[in-house]
Amino acid sequence: MKLNKELEKLKGYMDAGLENEFKKQSDYIHANFTSAEDIKTIDDFISSVMSELSLQTTELAQEAESLLIREQLKEVSEILSISYIAKKYFNKNRTWIYQKINGNLKNGKQAKFTDLEIETFNFALQDISHKIGSIAIHT
């Protein structure tokens, strides 16, 4: 179908960031494909593109969240054992916690901390902070 080819061109311009070509192609499609069937095809195409963009936005947000967590833990991970936190506070192994910190893919999904796990992690950091703060060497 000619409309589908034109819509694919439109998507190609969008993906490439070619605004002028995108605008021209969009105008061409709207001027030349006006039947009820064409309008439904265009609506379906727009819905499909919006779903794809939504998924990409979600993936970018998850990547940003993972990067933020890694940056926040960068210095502290050199000071204390992340493996210790995994074992003591989560009853998990070091692989589990590093998958979450790094946002690795697991079963096709990006591993990330739940809100409860973030709360537990924050508690662990505060608990360790209090333990270290209460230590003093005496001779």
N, C-alpha and C. Protein backbone atom coordinates (compact mmCIF):
# COMPACT_ATOMS: atom_id res chain seq x y z
N MET A 1 0.85 -1.19 0.00
CA MET A 1 0.00 0.00 0.00
C MET A 1 0.89 1.25 0.00
N LYS A 2 0.56 2.19 -0.84
CA LYS A 2 1.37 3.41 -0.99
C LYS A 2 1.43 4.21 0.30
N LEU A 3 0.32 4.28 1.03
CA LEU A 3 0.30 5.06 2.28
C LEU A 3 1.31 4.50 3.27
N ASN A 4 1.37 3.20 3.40
CA ASN A 4 2.33 2.60 4.35
C ASN A 4 3.77 2.97 3.99
N LYS A 5 4.08 3.00 2.69
CA LYS A 5 5.43 3.39 2.26
C LYS A 5 5.71 4.85 2.64
N GLU A 6 4.70 5.68 2.45
CA GLU A 6 4.86 7.10 2.78
C GLU A 6 5.02 7.29 4.30
N LEU A 7 4.29 6.50 5.08
CA LEU A 7 4.41 6.58 6.54
C LEU A 7 5.78 6.10 7.00
N GLU A 8 6.31 5.08 6.35
CA GLU A 8 7.65 4.61 6.70
C GLU A 8 8.71 5.67 6.38
N LYS A 9 8.53 6.39 5.26
CA LYS A 9 9.42 7.51 4.94
C LYS A 9 9.35 8.55 6.06
N LEU A 10 8.12 8.85 6.48
CA LEU A 10 7.90 9.83 7.54
C LEU A 10 8.64 9.41 8.81
N LYS A 11 8.51 8.15 9.17
CA LYS A 11 9.19 7.64 10.37
C LYS A 11 10.70 7.73 10.22
N GLY A 12 11.19 7.43 9.03
CA GLY A 12 12.63 7.54 8.78
C GLY A 12 13.13 8.96 8.99
N TYR A 13 12.36 9.94 8.51
CA TYR A 13 12.74 11.35 8.71
C TYR A 13 12.71 11.70 10.20
N MET A 14 11.71 11.18 10.90
CA MET A 14 11.59 11.46 12.34
C MET A 14 12.79 10.87 13.08
N ASP A 15 13.09 9.60 12.79
CA ASP A 15 14.20 8.92 13.47
C ASP A 15 15.53 9.61 13.19
N ALA A 16 15.67 10.15 11.99
CA ALA A 16 16.92 10.82 11.61
C ALA A 16 16.98 12.27 12.09
N GLY A 17 15.86 12.76 12.62
CA GLY A 17 15.83 14.15 13.09
C GLY A 17 15.81 15.16 11.97
N LEU A 18 15.31 14.77 10.81
CA LEU A 18 15.25 15.67 9.65
C LEU A 18 13.92 16.41 9.67
N GLU A 19 13.88 17.52 10.38
CA GLU A 19 12.62 18.24 10.63
C GLU A 19 11.96 18.76 9.36
N ASN A 20 12.73 19.36 8.46
CA ASN A 20 12.14 19.90 7.23
C ASN A 20 11.52 18.80 6.37
N GLU A 21 12.27 17.70 6.20
CA GLU A 21 11.75 16.58 5.40
C GLU A 21 10.53 15.97 6.08
N PHE A 22 10.59 15.86 7.42
CA PHE A 22 9.46 15.31 8.17
C PHE A 22 8.21 16.16 7.94
N LYS A 23 8.35 17.47 8.04
CA LYS A 23 7.22 18.39 7.86
C LYS A 23 6.65 18.26 6.45
N LYS A 24 7.53 18.24 5.44
CA LYS A 24 7.08 18.12 4.05
C LYS A 24 6.34 16.79 3.84
N GLN A 25 6.90 15.72 4.37
CA GLN A 25 6.29 14.40 4.21
C GLN A 25 4.94 14.34 4.94
N SER A 26 4.88 14.91 6.12
CA SER A 26 3.63 14.94 6.88
C SER A 26 2.56 15.71 6.12
N ASP A 27 2.93 16.87 5.59
CA ASP A 27 1.99 17.68 4.80
C ASP A 27 1.51 16.91 3.57
N TYR A 28 2.45 16.22 2.91
CA TYR A 28 2.10 15.43 1.73
C TYR A 28 1.09 14.33 2.08
N ILE A 29 1.35 13.64 3.16
CA ILE A 29 0.45 12.55 3.58
C ILE A 29 -0.94 13.09 3.89
N HIS A 30 -1.00 14.15 4.66
CA HIS A 30 -2.31 14.72 5.04
C HIS A 30 -3.07 15.30 3.84
N ALA A 31 -2.36 15.76 2.83
CA ALA A 31 -3.03 16.32 1.65
C ALA A 31 -3.51 15.24 0.68
N ASN A 32 -2.81 14.11 0.65
CA ASN A 32 -3.09 13.11 -0.38
C ASN A 32 -3.79 11.84 0.10
N PHE A 33 -3.87 11.63 1.38
CA PHE A 33 -4.50 10.42 1.91
C PHE A 33 -5.60 10.84 2.87
N THR A 34 -6.82 10.96 2.34
CA THR A 34 -7.91 11.56 3.11
C THR A 34 -9.12 10.64 3.29
N SER A 35 -9.09 9.44 2.75
CA SER A 35 -10.24 8.54 2.91
C SER A 35 -10.32 8.08 4.37
N ALA A 36 -11.47 7.56 4.74
CA ALA A 36 -11.66 7.06 6.11
C ALA A 36 -10.65 5.95 6.42
N GLU A 37 -10.42 5.09 5.44
CA GLU A 37 -9.45 3.99 5.62
C GLU A 37 -8.03 4.56 5.81
N ASP A 38 -7.67 5.57 5.02
CA ASP A 38 -6.36 6.20 5.15
C ASP A 38 -6.20 6.84 6.54
N ILE A 39 -7.23 7.53 6.97
CA ILE A 39 -7.17 8.21 8.28
C ILE A 39 -7.00 7.19 9.39
N LYS A 40 -7.68 6.04 9.28
CA LYS A 40 -7.52 4.99 10.29
C LYS A 40 -6.09 4.45 10.26
N THR A 41 -5.55 4.25 9.07
CA THR A 41 -4.17 3.77 8.94
C THR A 41 -3.19 4.78 9.55
N ILE A 42 -3.41 6.05 9.30
CA ILE A 42 -2.56 7.11 9.87
C ILE A 42 -2.68 7.12 11.39
N ASP A 43 -3.91 7.01 11.91
CA ASP A 43 -4.12 6.97 13.36
C ASP A 43 -3.41 5.77 13.99
N ASP A 44 -3.52 4.61 13.34
CA ASP A 44 -2.84 3.41 13.85
C ASP A 44 -1.33 3.60 13.85
N PHE A 45 -0.83 4.22 12.79
CA PHE A 45 0.60 4.49 12.69
C PHE A 45 1.05 5.42 13.82
N ILE A 46 0.30 6.48 14.06
CA ILE A 46 0.64 7.44 15.12
C ILE A 46 0.62 6.74 16.48
N SER A 47 -0.38 5.91 16.71
CA SER A 47 -0.46 5.18 17.98
C SER A 47 0.75 4.27 18.16
N SER A 48 1.14 3.61 17.08
CA SER A 48 2.30 2.72 17.13
C SER A 48 3.57 3.50 17.45
N VAL A 49 3.76 4.63 16.78
CA VAL A 49 4.95 5.46 17.01
C VAL A 49 4.95 6.00 18.45
N MET A 50 3.79 6.41 18.93
CA MET A 50 3.70 6.94 20.31
C MET A 50 4.03 5.85 21.32
N SER A 51 3.58 4.63 21.08
CA SER A 51 3.90 3.52 21.98
C SER A 51 5.40 3.26 21.99
N GLU A 52 6.00 3.31 20.81
CA GLU A 52 7.44 3.10 20.69
C GLU A 52 8.20 4.20 21.43
N LEU A 53 7.77 5.44 21.26
CA LEU A 53 8.42 6.56 21.96
C LEU A 53 8.26 6.44 23.47
N SER A 54 7.10 6.02 23.91
CA SER A 54 6.84 5.83 25.33
C SER A 54 7.79 4.78 25.91
N LEU A 55 7.95 3.68 25.19
CA LEU A 55 8.86 2.62 25.62
C LEU A 55 10.29 3.13 25.68
N GLN A 56 10.71 3.89 24.65
CA GLN A 56 12.06 4.44 24.64
C GLN A 56 12.27 5.41 25.80
N THR A 57 11.25 6.22 26.09
CA THR A 57 11.33 7.17 27.20
C THR A 57 11.47 6.44 28.52
N THR A 58 10.71 5.37 28.69
CA THR A 58 10.79 4.56 29.91
C THR A 58 12.17 3.95 30.05
N GLU A 59 12.71 3.41 28.97
CA GLU A 59 14.04 2.82 29.00
C GLU A 59 15.10 3.87 29.34
N LEU A 60 14.98 5.06 28.76
CA LEU A 60 15.93 6.13 29.06
C LEU A 60 15.84 6.55 30.52
N ALA A 61 14.63 6.62 31.05
CA ALA A 61 14.44 6.99 32.46
C ALA A 61 15.07 5.94 33.36
N GLN A 62 14.93 4.66 33.01
CA GLN A 62 15.52 3.60 33.82
C GLN A 62 17.05 3.66 33.75
N GLU A 63 17.58 3.93 32.57
CA GLU A 63 19.03 4.06 32.43
C GLU A 63 19.55 5.25 33.24
N ALA A 64 18.82 6.36 33.22
CA ALA A 64 19.22 7.54 33.98
C ALA A 64 19.17 7.26 35.47
N GLU A 65 18.15 6.54 35.91
CA GLU A 65 18.04 6.18 37.33
C GLU A 65 19.20 5.30 37.76
N SER A 66 19.55 4.34 36.93
CA SER A 66 20.67 3.45 37.23
C SER A 66 21.98 4.23 37.29
N LEU A 67 22.17 5.16 36.35
CA LEU A 67 23.38 5.99 36.34
C LEU A 67 23.45 6.86 37.59
N LEU A 68 22.32 7.41 38.00
CA LEU A 68 22.26 8.23 39.20
C LEU A 68 22.66 7.42 40.43
N ILE A 69 22.13 6.22 40.55
CA ILE A 69 22.48 5.36 41.70
C ILE A 69 23.96 5.03 41.67
N ARG A 70 24.49 4.67 40.50
CA ARG A 70 25.93 4.37 40.40
C ARG A 70 26.78 5.55 40.83
N GLU A 71 26.40 6.76 40.38
CA GLU A 71 27.16 7.96 40.73
C GLU A 71 27.09 8.23 42.24
N GLN A 72 25.90 8.05 42.81
CA GLN A 72 25.75 8.28 44.24
C GLN A 72 26.58 7.30 45.07
N LEU A 73 26.76 6.10 44.56
CA LEU A 73 27.50 5.07 45.29
C LEU A 73 28.97 5.00 44.92
N LYS A 74 29.37 5.78 43.93
CA LYS A 74 30.75 5.69 43.41
C LYS A 74 31.80 5.79 44.52
N GLU A 75 31.77 6.85 45.28
CA GLU A 75 32.78 7.05 46.31
C GLU A 75 32.61 6.08 47.47
N VAL A 76 31.36 5.90 47.89
CA VAL A 76 31.13 5.05 49.05
C VAL A 76 31.46 3.59 48.75
N SER A 77 31.33 3.17 47.50
CA SER A 77 31.64 1.77 47.17
C SER A 77 33.13 1.49 47.28
N GLU A 78 33.94 2.52 47.26
CA GLU A 78 35.38 2.35 47.48
C GLU A 78 35.70 2.28 48.97
N ILE A 79 34.80 2.77 49.79
CA ILE A 79 35.02 2.82 51.23
C ILE A 79 34.47 1.58 51.93
N LEU A 80 33.29 1.15 51.52
CA LEU A 80 32.68 0.01 52.19
C LEU A 80 32.31 -1.08 51.21
N SER A 81 32.01 -2.24 51.75
CA SER A 81 31.72 -3.41 50.95
C SER A 81 30.25 -3.46 50.54
N ILE A 82 30.01 -3.31 49.26
CA ILE A 82 28.65 -3.43 48.73
C ILE A 82 28.18 -4.87 48.90
N SER A 83 29.10 -5.82 48.80
CA SER A 83 28.76 -7.23 49.01
C SER A 83 28.23 -7.45 50.42
N TYR A 84 28.83 -6.77 51.40
CA TYR A 84 28.39 -6.87 52.79
C TYR A 84 26.95 -6.37 52.92
N ILE A 85 26.64 -5.26 52.26
CA ILE A 85 25.29 -4.72 52.30
C ILE A 85 24.30 -5.71 51.68
N ALA A 86 24.68 -6.31 50.56
CA ALA A 86 23.81 -7.29 49.89
C ALA A 86 23.50 -8.45 50.83
N LYS A 87 24.54 -8.95 51.48
CA LYS A 87 24.36 -10.12 52.34
C LYS A 87 23.63 -9.77 53.63
N LYS A 88 24.10 -8.73 54.32
CA LYS A 88 23.57 -8.41 55.65
C LYS A 88 22.17 -7.81 55.61
N TYR A 89 21.90 -6.92 54.69
CA TYR A 89 20.64 -6.18 54.71
C TYR A 89 19.59 -6.72 53.72
N PHE A 90 20.05 -7.44 52.70
CA PHE A 90 19.10 -7.95 51.71
C PHE A 90 19.04 -9.47 51.67
N ASN A 91 19.98 -10.13 52.35
CA ASN A 91 20.05 -11.59 52.30
C ASN A 91 20.25 -12.08 50.86
N LYS A 92 21.03 -11.35 50.10
CA LYS A 92 21.30 -11.66 48.68
C LYS A 92 22.81 -11.68 48.48
N ASN A 93 23.22 -12.09 47.27
CA ASN A 93 24.65 -12.11 46.98
C ASN A 93 25.08 -10.85 46.25
N ARG A 94 26.38 -10.71 46.08
CA ARG A 94 26.92 -9.49 45.46
C ARG A 94 26.46 -9.32 44.03
N THR A 95 26.27 -10.43 43.30
CA THR A 95 25.81 -10.35 41.91
C THR A 95 24.46 -9.66 41.85
N TRP A 96 23.57 -10.03 42.75
CA TRP A 96 22.22 -9.46 42.78
C TRP A 96 22.28 -7.94 42.93
N ILE A 97 23.06 -7.46 43.90
CA ILE A 97 23.08 -6.02 44.17
C ILE A 97 23.77 -5.26 43.04
N TYR A 98 24.83 -5.83 42.47
CA TYR A 98 25.52 -5.14 41.37
C TYR A 98 24.65 -5.11 40.11
N GLN A 99 23.83 -6.14 39.88
CA GLN A 99 22.90 -6.11 38.74
C GLN A 99 21.95 -4.93 38.90
N LYS A 100 21.47 -4.71 40.12
CA LYS A 100 20.54 -3.61 40.37
C LYS A 100 21.25 -2.26 40.25
N ILE A 101 22.43 -2.16 40.82
CA ILE A 101 23.18 -0.91 40.77
C ILE A 101 23.51 -0.53 39.32
N ASN A 102 23.92 -1.53 38.53
CA ASN A 102 24.33 -1.27 37.16
C ASN A 102 23.19 -1.29 36.15
N GLY A 103 21.99 -1.67 36.59
CA GLY A 103 20.85 -1.72 35.69
C GLY A 103 21.00 -2.76 34.60
N ASN A 104 21.64 -3.89 34.94
CA ASN A 104 21.83 -4.96 33.95
C ASN A 104 20.50 -5.56 33.53
N LEU A 105 20.49 -6.14 32.34
CA LEU A 105 19.30 -6.84 31.87
C LEU A 105 19.23 -8.20 32.55
N LYS A 106 18.05 -8.52 33.07
CA LYS A 106 17.82 -9.83 33.68
C LYS A 106 16.44 -10.28 33.22
N ASN A 107 16.39 -11.44 32.56
CA ASN A 107 15.14 -11.96 31.99
C ASN A 107 14.50 -10.95 31.04
N GLY A 108 15.33 -10.23 30.29
CA GLY A 108 14.84 -9.28 29.31
C GLY A 108 14.41 -7.94 29.87
N LYS A 109 14.53 -7.74 31.18
CA LYS A 109 14.14 -6.48 31.81
C LYS A 109 15.34 -5.89 32.53
N GLN A 110 15.36 -4.57 32.62
CA GLN A 110 16.45 -3.91 33.31
C GLN A 110 16.25 -4.07 34.81
N ALA A 111 17.27 -4.60 35.47
CA ALA A 111 17.22 -4.77 36.93
C ALA A 111 17.27 -3.39 37.58
N LYS A 112 16.39 -3.16 38.52
CA LYS A 112 16.41 -1.89 39.25
C LYS A 112 15.86 -2.12 40.65
N PHE A 113 16.19 -1.21 41.54
CA PHE A 113 15.72 -1.31 42.91
C PHE A 113 14.25 -0.91 43.00
N THR A 114 13.51 -1.65 43.81
CA THR A 114 12.14 -1.24 44.13
C THR A 114 12.21 -0.12 45.15
N ASP A 115 11.11 0.53 45.41
CA ASP A 115 11.08 1.59 46.42
C ASP A 115 11.47 1.03 47.79
N LEU A 116 11.00 -0.16 48.10
CA LEU A 116 11.33 -0.79 49.39
C LEU A 116 12.82 -1.11 49.47
N GLU A 117 13.40 -1.56 48.37
CA GLU A 117 14.83 -1.86 48.35
C GLU A 117 15.66 -0.58 48.51
N ILE A 118 15.22 0.51 47.91
CA ILE A 118 15.91 1.80 48.09
C ILE A 118 15.85 2.20 49.56
N GLU A 119 14.70 2.02 50.16
CA GLU A 119 14.53 2.34 51.58
C GLU A 119 15.46 1.47 52.42
N THR A 120 15.54 0.19 52.11
CA THR A 120 16.44 -0.73 52.84
C THR A 120 17.89 -0.33 52.62
N PHE A 121 18.24 0.03 51.39
CA PHE A 121 19.62 0.44 51.10
C PHE A 121 19.97 1.69 51.90
N ASN A 122 19.07 2.66 51.92
CA ASN A 122 19.31 3.88 52.70
C ASN A 122 19.46 3.57 54.19
N PHE A 123 18.63 2.66 54.69
CA PHE A 123 18.75 2.24 56.09
C PHE A 123 20.13 1.62 56.32
N ALA A 124 20.56 0.76 55.40
CA ALA A 124 21.87 0.11 55.53
C ALA A 124 22.99 1.15 55.61
N LEU A 125 22.94 2.14 54.72
CA LEU A 125 23.97 3.18 54.72
C LEU A 125 23.97 3.96 56.04
N GLN A 126 22.80 4.30 56.53
CA GLN A 126 22.70 5.03 57.80
C GLN A 126 23.17 4.17 58.97
N ASP A 127 22.79 2.90 58.96
CA ASP A 127 23.19 1.98 60.03
C ASP A 127 24.71 1.83 60.06
N ILE A 128 25.31 1.64 58.90
CA ILE A 128 26.77 1.52 58.82
C ILE A 128 27.42 2.82 59.26
N SER A 129 26.85 3.95 58.87
CA SER A 129 27.36 5.25 59.27
C SER A 129 27.38 5.39 60.79
N HIS A 130 26.30 4.98 61.43
CA HIS A 130 26.23 5.06 62.90
C HIS A 130 27.24 4.13 63.55
N LYS A 131 27.40 2.95 62.99
CA LYS A 131 28.36 1.99 63.55
C LYS A 131 29.78 2.53 63.44
N ILE A 132 30.12 3.08 62.29
CA ILE A 132 31.47 3.64 62.11
C ILE A 132 31.66 4.86 63.00
N GLY A 133 30.63 5.69 63.08
CA GLY A 133 30.72 6.91 63.90
C GLY A 133 30.88 6.64 65.37
N SER A 134 30.48 5.45 65.83
CA SER A 134 30.58 5.14 67.26
C SER A 134 31.90 4.47 67.62
N ILE A 135 32.74 4.23 66.63
CA ILE A 135 34.00 3.55 66.88
C ILE A 135 35.09 4.57 67.18
N ALA A 136 35.86 4.28 68.22
CA ALA A 136 37.04 5.08 68.55
C ALA A 136 38.09 4.14 69.10
N ILE A 137 39.32 4.31 68.67
CA ILE A 137 40.42 3.47 69.12
C ILE A 137 41.04 4.13 70.36
N HIS A 138 41.17 3.35 71.40
CA HIS A 138 41.78 3.83 72.66
C HIS A 138 43.00 2.98 72.97
N THR A 139 44.00 3.62 73.55
CA THR A 139 45.19 2.88 73.97
C THR A 139 45.36 2.98 75.45
